[in-house]
Protein backbone atom coordinates (compact mmCIF):
# COMPACT_ATOMS: atom_id res chain seq x y z
CA UNK A 1 0.00 0.00 0.00
CA UNK A 2 3.06 2.29 -0.05
CA UNK A 3 2.21 3.46 -3.57
CA UNK A 4 -1.09 4.86 -2.34
CA UNK A 5 0.62 6.79 0.47
CA UNK A 6 3.20 8.23 -1.94
CA UNK A 7 0.42 9.33 -4.28
CA UNK A 8 -1.47 11.01 -1.45
CA UNK A 9 1.65 12.80 -0.17
CA UNK A 10 2.49 14.14 -3.62
CA UNK A 11 -1.09 15.29 -4.14
CA UNK A 12 -1.24 17.12 -0.80
CA UNK A 13 2.15 18.81 -1.19
CA UNK A 14 1.20 20.03 -4.65
CA UNK A 15 -1.94 21.67 -3.29
CA UNK A 16 -0.49 22.85 0.01
CA UNK A 17 2.54 24.86 -1.01
CA UNK A 18 1.09 27.51 -3.36
CA UNK A 19 -1.58 28.76 -0.91
CA UNK A 20 -1.33 31.61 1.58
CA UNK A 21 1.98 32.78 0.18
CA UNK A 22 2.25 35.79 2.49
CA UNK A 23 3.81 33.33 4.95
CA UNK A 24 6.87 33.10 2.70
CA UNK A 25 7.71 36.77 3.33
CA UNK A 26 9.82 35.90 6.36
CA UNK A 27 13.07 34.33 7.54
CA UNK A 28 12.89 30.59 6.84
CA UNK A 29 13.59 28.36 9.83
CA UNK A 30 11.94 25.34 8.20
CA UNK A 31 15.09 23.15 8.41
CA UNK A 32 14.52 23.12 12.18
CA UNK A 33 10.83 22.26 12.09
CA UNK A 34 11.47 18.70 13.29
CA UNK A 35 12.51 20.11 16.67
CA UNK A 36 9.90 20.81 19.32
CA UNK A 37 11.47 24.23 19.90
CA UNK A 38 13.36 26.47 17.47
CA UNK A 39 16.09 28.50 19.14
CA UNK A 40 16.68 31.80 17.36
CA UNK A 41 19.27 34.17 18.92
CA UNK A 42 18.21 37.78 19.44
CA UNK A 43 21.09 40.16 18.81
CA UNK A 44 22.11 42.50 21.59
CA UNK A 45 22.68 46.25 21.43
CA UNK A 46 24.24 47.81 18.33
CA UNK A 47 27.84 49.07 18.66
CA UNK A 48 28.42 52.72 19.51
CA UNK A 49 30.04 54.85 16.83
CA UNK A 50 32.07 57.93 17.82
CA UNK A 51 33.28 60.71 15.58
CA UNK A 52 36.93 61.70 15.97
CA UNK A 53 37.60 59.39 18.88
CA UNK A 54 40.13 60.86 21.35
CA UNK A 55 40.47 58.10 23.95
CA UNK A 56 42.60 55.07 23.08
CA UNK A 57 42.45 52.20 23.39
CA UNK A 58 38.70 52.23 22.96
CA UNK A 59 36.76 50.59 25.78
CA UNK A 60 35.62 47.08 24.97
CA UNK A 61 31.91 46.29 25.08
CA UNK A 62 30.72 42.72 24.88
CA UNK A 63 27.47 42.21 23.00
CA UNK A 64 25.04 40.02 24.92
CA UNK A 65 22.73 37.99 22.75
CA UNK A 66 19.64 36.32 24.15
CA UNK A 67 17.85 33.15 23.17
CA UNK A 68 14.55 33.70 21.38
CA UNK A 69 12.92 30.25 21.26
CA UNK A 70 9.55 29.47 19.76
CA UNK A 71 7.44 26.34 19.86
CA UNK A 72 6.55 24.23 16.84
CA UNK A 73 2.85 23.34 16.75
CA UNK A 74 1.21 20.35 15.10
CA UNK A 75 -1.72 20.88 12.77
CA UNK A 76 -3.75 17.72 12.18
CA UNK A 77 -6.80 17.11 10.03
CA UNK A 78 -9.77 15.09 11.27
CA UNK A 79 -9.63 11.62 9.62
CA UNK A 80 -11.73 10.96 6.53
CA UNK A 81 -13.07 7.65 5.29
CA UNK A 82 -12.25 6.72 1.70
CA UNK A 83 -14.29 3.72 0.58
CA UNK A 84 -13.61 1.31 -2.24
CA UNK A 85 -9.84 1.71 -2.28
CA UNK A 86 -9.43 -0.39 -5.44
CA UNK A 87 -11.54 2.05 -7.43
CA UNK A 88 -9.63 4.99 -5.89
CA UNK A 89 -6.37 3.61 -7.27
CA UNK A 90 -7.83 3.86 -10.77
CA UNK A 91 -10.12 6.87 -10.42
CA UNK A 92 -8.42 9.68 -8.51
CA UNK A 93 -11.49 11.95 -8.34
CA UNK A 94 -12.53 11.19 -4.76
CA UNK A 95 -8.99 10.97 -3.44
CA UNK A 96 -8.16 14.34 -4.95
CA UNK A 97 -11.28 15.87 -3.48
CA UNK A 98 -10.48 14.54 0.00
CA UNK A 99 -6.79 15.43 -0.07
CA UNK A 100 -7.56 18.89 -1.45
CA UNK A 101 -9.91 19.62 1.44
CA UNK A 102 -7.38 18.38 4.01
CA UNK A 103 -4.54 20.37 2.39
CA UNK A 104 -6.59 23.53 2.07
CA UNK A 105 -7.73 23.51 5.68
CA UNK A 106 -4.28 22.71 7.10
CA UNK A 107 -2.66 25.43 5.02
CA UNK A 108 -5.32 27.97 5.95
CA UNK A 109 -4.96 27.27 9.66
CA UNK A 110 -1.16 27.44 9.51
CA UNK A 111 -1.42 30.82 7.79
CA UNK A 112 -3.95 32.06 10.36
CA UNK A 113 -1.65 31.08 13.19
CA UNK A 114 1.44 32.47 11.46
CA UNK A 115 -0.22 35.89 11.44
CA UNK A 116 -0.96 35.36 15.14
CA UNK A 117 2.66 34.39 15.86
CA UNK A 118 3.87 37.57 14.16
CA UNK A 119 1.23 39.91 15.57
CA UNK A 120 2.59 42.70 17.80
CA UNK A 121 1.59 42.92 21.44
CA UNK A 122 3.19 46.23 22.46
CA UNK A 123 1.21 49.49 22.45
CA UNK A 124 3.81 51.50 20.44
CA UNK A 125 3.30 49.06 17.57
CA UNK A 126 -0.46 49.73 17.32
CA UNK A 127 -2.29 52.21 15.11
CA UNK A 128 -6.07 52.67 15.21
CA UNK A 129 -8.12 53.27 12.06
CA UNK A 130 -9.25 56.86 11.73
CA UNK A 131 -11.83 57.09 8.94
CA UNK A 132 -15.60 57.32 8.87
CA UNK A 133 -18.05 54.76 10.21
CA UNK A 134 -19.15 51.44 8.72
CA UNK A 135 -20.59 48.25 10.17
CA UNK A 136 -18.25 45.77 11.89
CA UNK A 137 -17.29 42.92 9.59
CA UNK A 138 -15.66 40.14 11.63
CA UNK A 139 -17.77 37.15 12.68
CA UNK A 140 -20.21 38.01 15.52
CA UNK A 141 -18.88 41.58 15.85
CA UNK A 142 -21.54 44.27 16.35
CA UNK A 143 -21.73 48.03 16.08
CA UNK A 144 -19.65 50.29 13.86
CA UNK A 145 -15.93 50.51 13.20
CA UNK A 146 -13.87 53.33 11.72
CA UNK A 147 -12.66 52.64 8.20
CA UNK A 148 -9.05 52.09 7.17
CA UNK A 149 -7.52 55.05 5.32
CA UNK A 150 -4.39 55.90 3.38
CA UNK A 151 -3.50 58.25 6.24
CA UNK A 152 -3.37 55.22 8.56
CA UNK A 153 -1.06 53.41 6.16
CA UNK A 154 1.11 56.50 5.80
CA UNK A 155 1.44 56.68 9.59
CA UNK A 156 2.59 53.04 9.65
CA UNK A 157 5.07 53.75 6.88
CA UNK A 158 6.52 56.60 8.94
CA UNK A 159 6.96 54.31 11.96
CA UNK A 160 8.85 51.76 9.85
CA UNK A 161 11.00 54.57 8.44
CA UNK A 162 11.86 55.57 12.01
CA UNK A 163 12.82 51.94 12.68
CA UNK A 164 15.43 52.28 9.88
CA UNK A 165 13.88 49.42 7.91
CA UNK A 166 14.47 49.23 4.19
CA UNK A 167 11.48 49.71 1.93
CA UNK A 168 12.21 46.43 0.19
CA UNK A 169 10.48 43.65 2.12
CA UNK A 170 7.60 45.60 3.67
CA UNK A 171 4.27 43.77 3.65
CA UNK A 172 0.71 44.26 4.83
CA UNK A 173 -1.93 41.56 5.33
CA UNK A 174 -5.31 43.25 4.96
CA UNK A 175 -8.75 41.94 5.83
CA UNK A 176 -10.69 42.10 2.58
CA UNK A 177 -13.14 44.64 3.96
CA UNK A 178 -10.29 46.97 4.96
CA UNK A 179 -8.95 46.82 1.41
CA UNK A 180 -12.48 47.65 0.27
CA UNK A 181 -12.36 50.67 2.59
CA UNK A 182 -9.47 51.98 0.53
CA UNK A 183 -11.03 51.13 -2.81
CA UNK A 184 -14.37 52.74 -1.97
CA UNK A 185 -13.06 55.84 -0.22
CA UNK A 186 -9.71 56.52 -1.91
CA UNK A 187 -10.77 55.85 -5.51
CA UNK A 188 -8.60 58.46 -7.19
CA UNK A 189 -5.40 56.98 -5.76
CA UNK A 190 -6.34 53.30 -5.52
CA UNK A 191 -7.44 53.08 -9.13
CA UNK A 192 -4.41 54.91 -10.46
CA UNK A 193 -1.99 53.15 -12.77
CA UNK A 194 0.79 53.36 -10.18
CA UNK A 195 -1.28 51.32 -7.74
CA UNK A 196 -2.67 48.75 -10.16
CA UNK A 197 0.51 48.23 -12.14
CA UNK A 198 2.39 46.07 -9.65
CA UNK A 199 0.62 42.73 -9.26
CA UNK A 200 1.70 39.10 -9.34
CA UNK A 201 -1.32 36.90 -8.70
CA UNK A 202 0.73 33.71 -9.10
CA UNK A 203 2.84 34.62 -6.06
CA UNK A 204 -0.11 35.94 -4.07
CA UNK A 205 0.96 39.60 -4.20
CA UNK A 206 -2.08 41.40 -5.54
CA UNK A 207 -1.05 45.05 -5.23
CA UNK A 208 1.54 47.43 -3.87
CA UNK A 209 1.07 50.82 -2.24
CA UNK A 210 3.42 53.14 -0.36
CA UNK A 211 6.11 50.46 -0.59
CA UNK A 212 3.96 47.70 0.94
CA UNK A 213 3.23 44.41 -0.79
CA UNK A 214 -0.48 43.85 -0.13
CA UNK A 215 -2.05 40.50 0.73
CA UNK A 216 -5.69 39.92 1.70
CA UNK A 217 -7.77 37.41 3.67
CA UNK A 218 -11.51 36.92 4.09
CA UNK A 219 -13.50 37.79 7.21
CA UNK A 220 -13.28 34.28 8.71
CA UNK A 221 -9.49 34.29 8.68
CA UNK A 222 -8.38 37.77 9.70
CA UNK A 223 -6.21 38.95 12.57
CA UNK A 224 -8.35 40.20 15.49
CA UNK A 225 -7.74 42.22 18.63
CA UNK A 226 -9.86 42.92 21.69
CA UNK A 227 -11.21 46.37 22.41
CA UNK A 228 -9.15 46.87 25.58
CA UNK A 229 -7.27 50.11 26.15
CA UNK A 230 -4.16 48.25 25.06
CA UNK A 231 -5.61 45.78 22.55
CA UNK A 232 -4.94 42.09 23.10
CA UNK A 233 -4.44 39.82 20.10
CA UNK A 234 -7.02 37.02 19.79
CA UNK A 235 -6.14 33.42 18.90
CA UNK A 236 -7.59 32.24 15.55
CA UNK A 237 -9.31 29.34 17.34
CA UNK A 238 -11.31 31.71 19.57
CA UNK A 239 -14.95 32.23 18.60
CA UNK A 240 -15.71 35.71 17.34
CA UNK A 241 -17.11 38.20 19.85
CA UNK A 242 -19.21 41.35 19.56
CA UNK A 243 -16.26 43.53 20.59
CA UNK A 244 -13.67 42.04 18.20
CA UNK A 245 -11.77 44.43 15.98
CA UNK A 246 -10.18 43.33 12.71
CA UNK A 247 -6.56 44.30 12.18
CA UNK A 248 -4.13 44.69 9.32
CA UNK A 249 -0.77 43.06 10.03
CA UNK A 250 2.31 44.94 8.86
CA UNK A 251 5.73 43.31 8.88
CA UNK A 252 9.16 43.45 7.33
CA UNK A 253 10.33 40.12 5.97
CA UNK A 254 13.59 40.29 7.95
CA UNK A 255 11.75 40.86 11.24
CA UNK A 256 9.67 37.67 11.42
CA UNK A 257 10.51 33.98 11.11
CA UNK A 258 8.63 30.88 10.04
CA UNK A 259 9.15 27.15 10.23
CA UNK A 260 6.92 24.95 8.07
CA UNK A 261 7.35 21.23 7.61
CA UNK A 262 6.23 18.77 4.98
CA UNK A 263 2.85 17.09 5.22
CA UNK A 264 2.78 13.61 6.70
CA UNK A 265 0.01 11.30 5.56
CA UNK A 266 -1.55 8.68 7.83
CA UNK A 267 -3.56 5.76 6.48
CA UNK A 268 -5.30 2.73 7.91
CA UNK A 269 -6.07 0.58 4.90
CA UNK A 270 -9.02 -1.78 4.42
CA UNK A 271 -10.74 -1.34 7.76
CA UNK A 272 -13.41 -4.07 7.79
CA UNK A 273 -15.77 -2.16 10.07
CA UNK A 274 -15.69 0.83 7.69
CA UNK A 275 -15.52 -1.07 4.37
CA UNK A 276 -12.75 1.23 3.29
CA UNK A 277 -9.64 3.09 4.41
CA UNK A 278 -9.13 5.97 6.84
CA UNK A 279 -6.97 8.93 5.86
CA UNK A 280 -5.62 11.98 7.73
CA UNK A 281 -2.73 14.41 7.48
CA UNK A 282 -0.38 16.36 9.75
CA UNK A 283 1.90 19.35 9.30
CA UNK A 284 4.21 21.07 11.78
CA UNK A 285 4.67 24.83 11.83
CA UNK A 286 5.64 27.72 14.04
CA UNK A 287 6.82 31.30 13.85
CA UNK A 288 7.87 34.36 15.83
CA UNK A 289 8.88 38.00 15.79
CA UNK A 290 12.65 38.12 15.56
CA UNK A 291 13.26 41.18 17.77
CA UNK A 292 12.33 41.44 21.43
CA UNK A 293 11.23 45.05 21.02
CA UNK A 294 9.05 43.90 18.08
CA UNK A 295 10.89 46.03 15.55
CA UNK A 296 9.41 45.59 12.09
CA UNK A 297 5.90 44.45 13.04
CA UNK A 298 2.81 46.61 13.45
CA UNK A 299 -0.96 46.26 13.57
CA UNK A 300 -3.49 48.74 12.26
CA UNK A 301 -6.49 47.91 14.45
CA UNK A 302 -10.05 49.01 13.80
CA UNK A 303 -11.30 51.70 16.18
CA UNK A 304 -14.88 51.58 17.42
CA UNK A 305 -17.06 53.98 15.46
CA UNK A 306 -20.04 56.05 16.49
């Protein structure tokens, strides 16, 4: 039955890798994904530079690096029953349908959690939306939220500039409705040739604005924060609440890390009580912000509207 497993693995990998490509805009720690914990050193303070130094020899300063470990999580799909295995070997329609659904859901959940791993938690890294009012869009959220504006994005750009981060490698993951905020309320700029001219659908980069590569996700899979005075990021597995606020994640590719492993397929062939075979899949993944002060990551969080 090894041939069947090899076929399933190949089919899942083919469908898994191209999806949710914003995850690839990061430092790749995937070679270490087989470990339970990835140890990534955080560099200490930058060296001091003096102009026209007058004291020699210069005093020695030892840089102290700290360990920045992060945990690798396992993402497993609920087993599916595939009946009539002999027919499946000849007709791949059902197998492809089952493996596609497993691959799609695993990949989606890994991407959701990767955004959560990277999400900032410090108040200086937060910006609140500042536009007019519209209805809340996340699941179960109620009331109005202020719309996302180009002024909000410009403010985030200024913060990254002050962090001395290069323009190359800046990204923003936008909830689809926040991108619609821009399209509906900033038509003259959004529909300009400069904005629409930089797109690569194959790689998942749909647009670019103010130096940011723009990625989008639907309302069921967006980054969320609480409405506390200092917003608290919400786990993707947490049911939506009335007070949830959607957030756009901003990051520089050199300021976040990912570890994603290959998919492992599990099979229990010819189960007599099921008159078929049972199939499931597993993938390991994790990620983190690479700087303790959260340099290079920001969140533009919806503000509650009137």
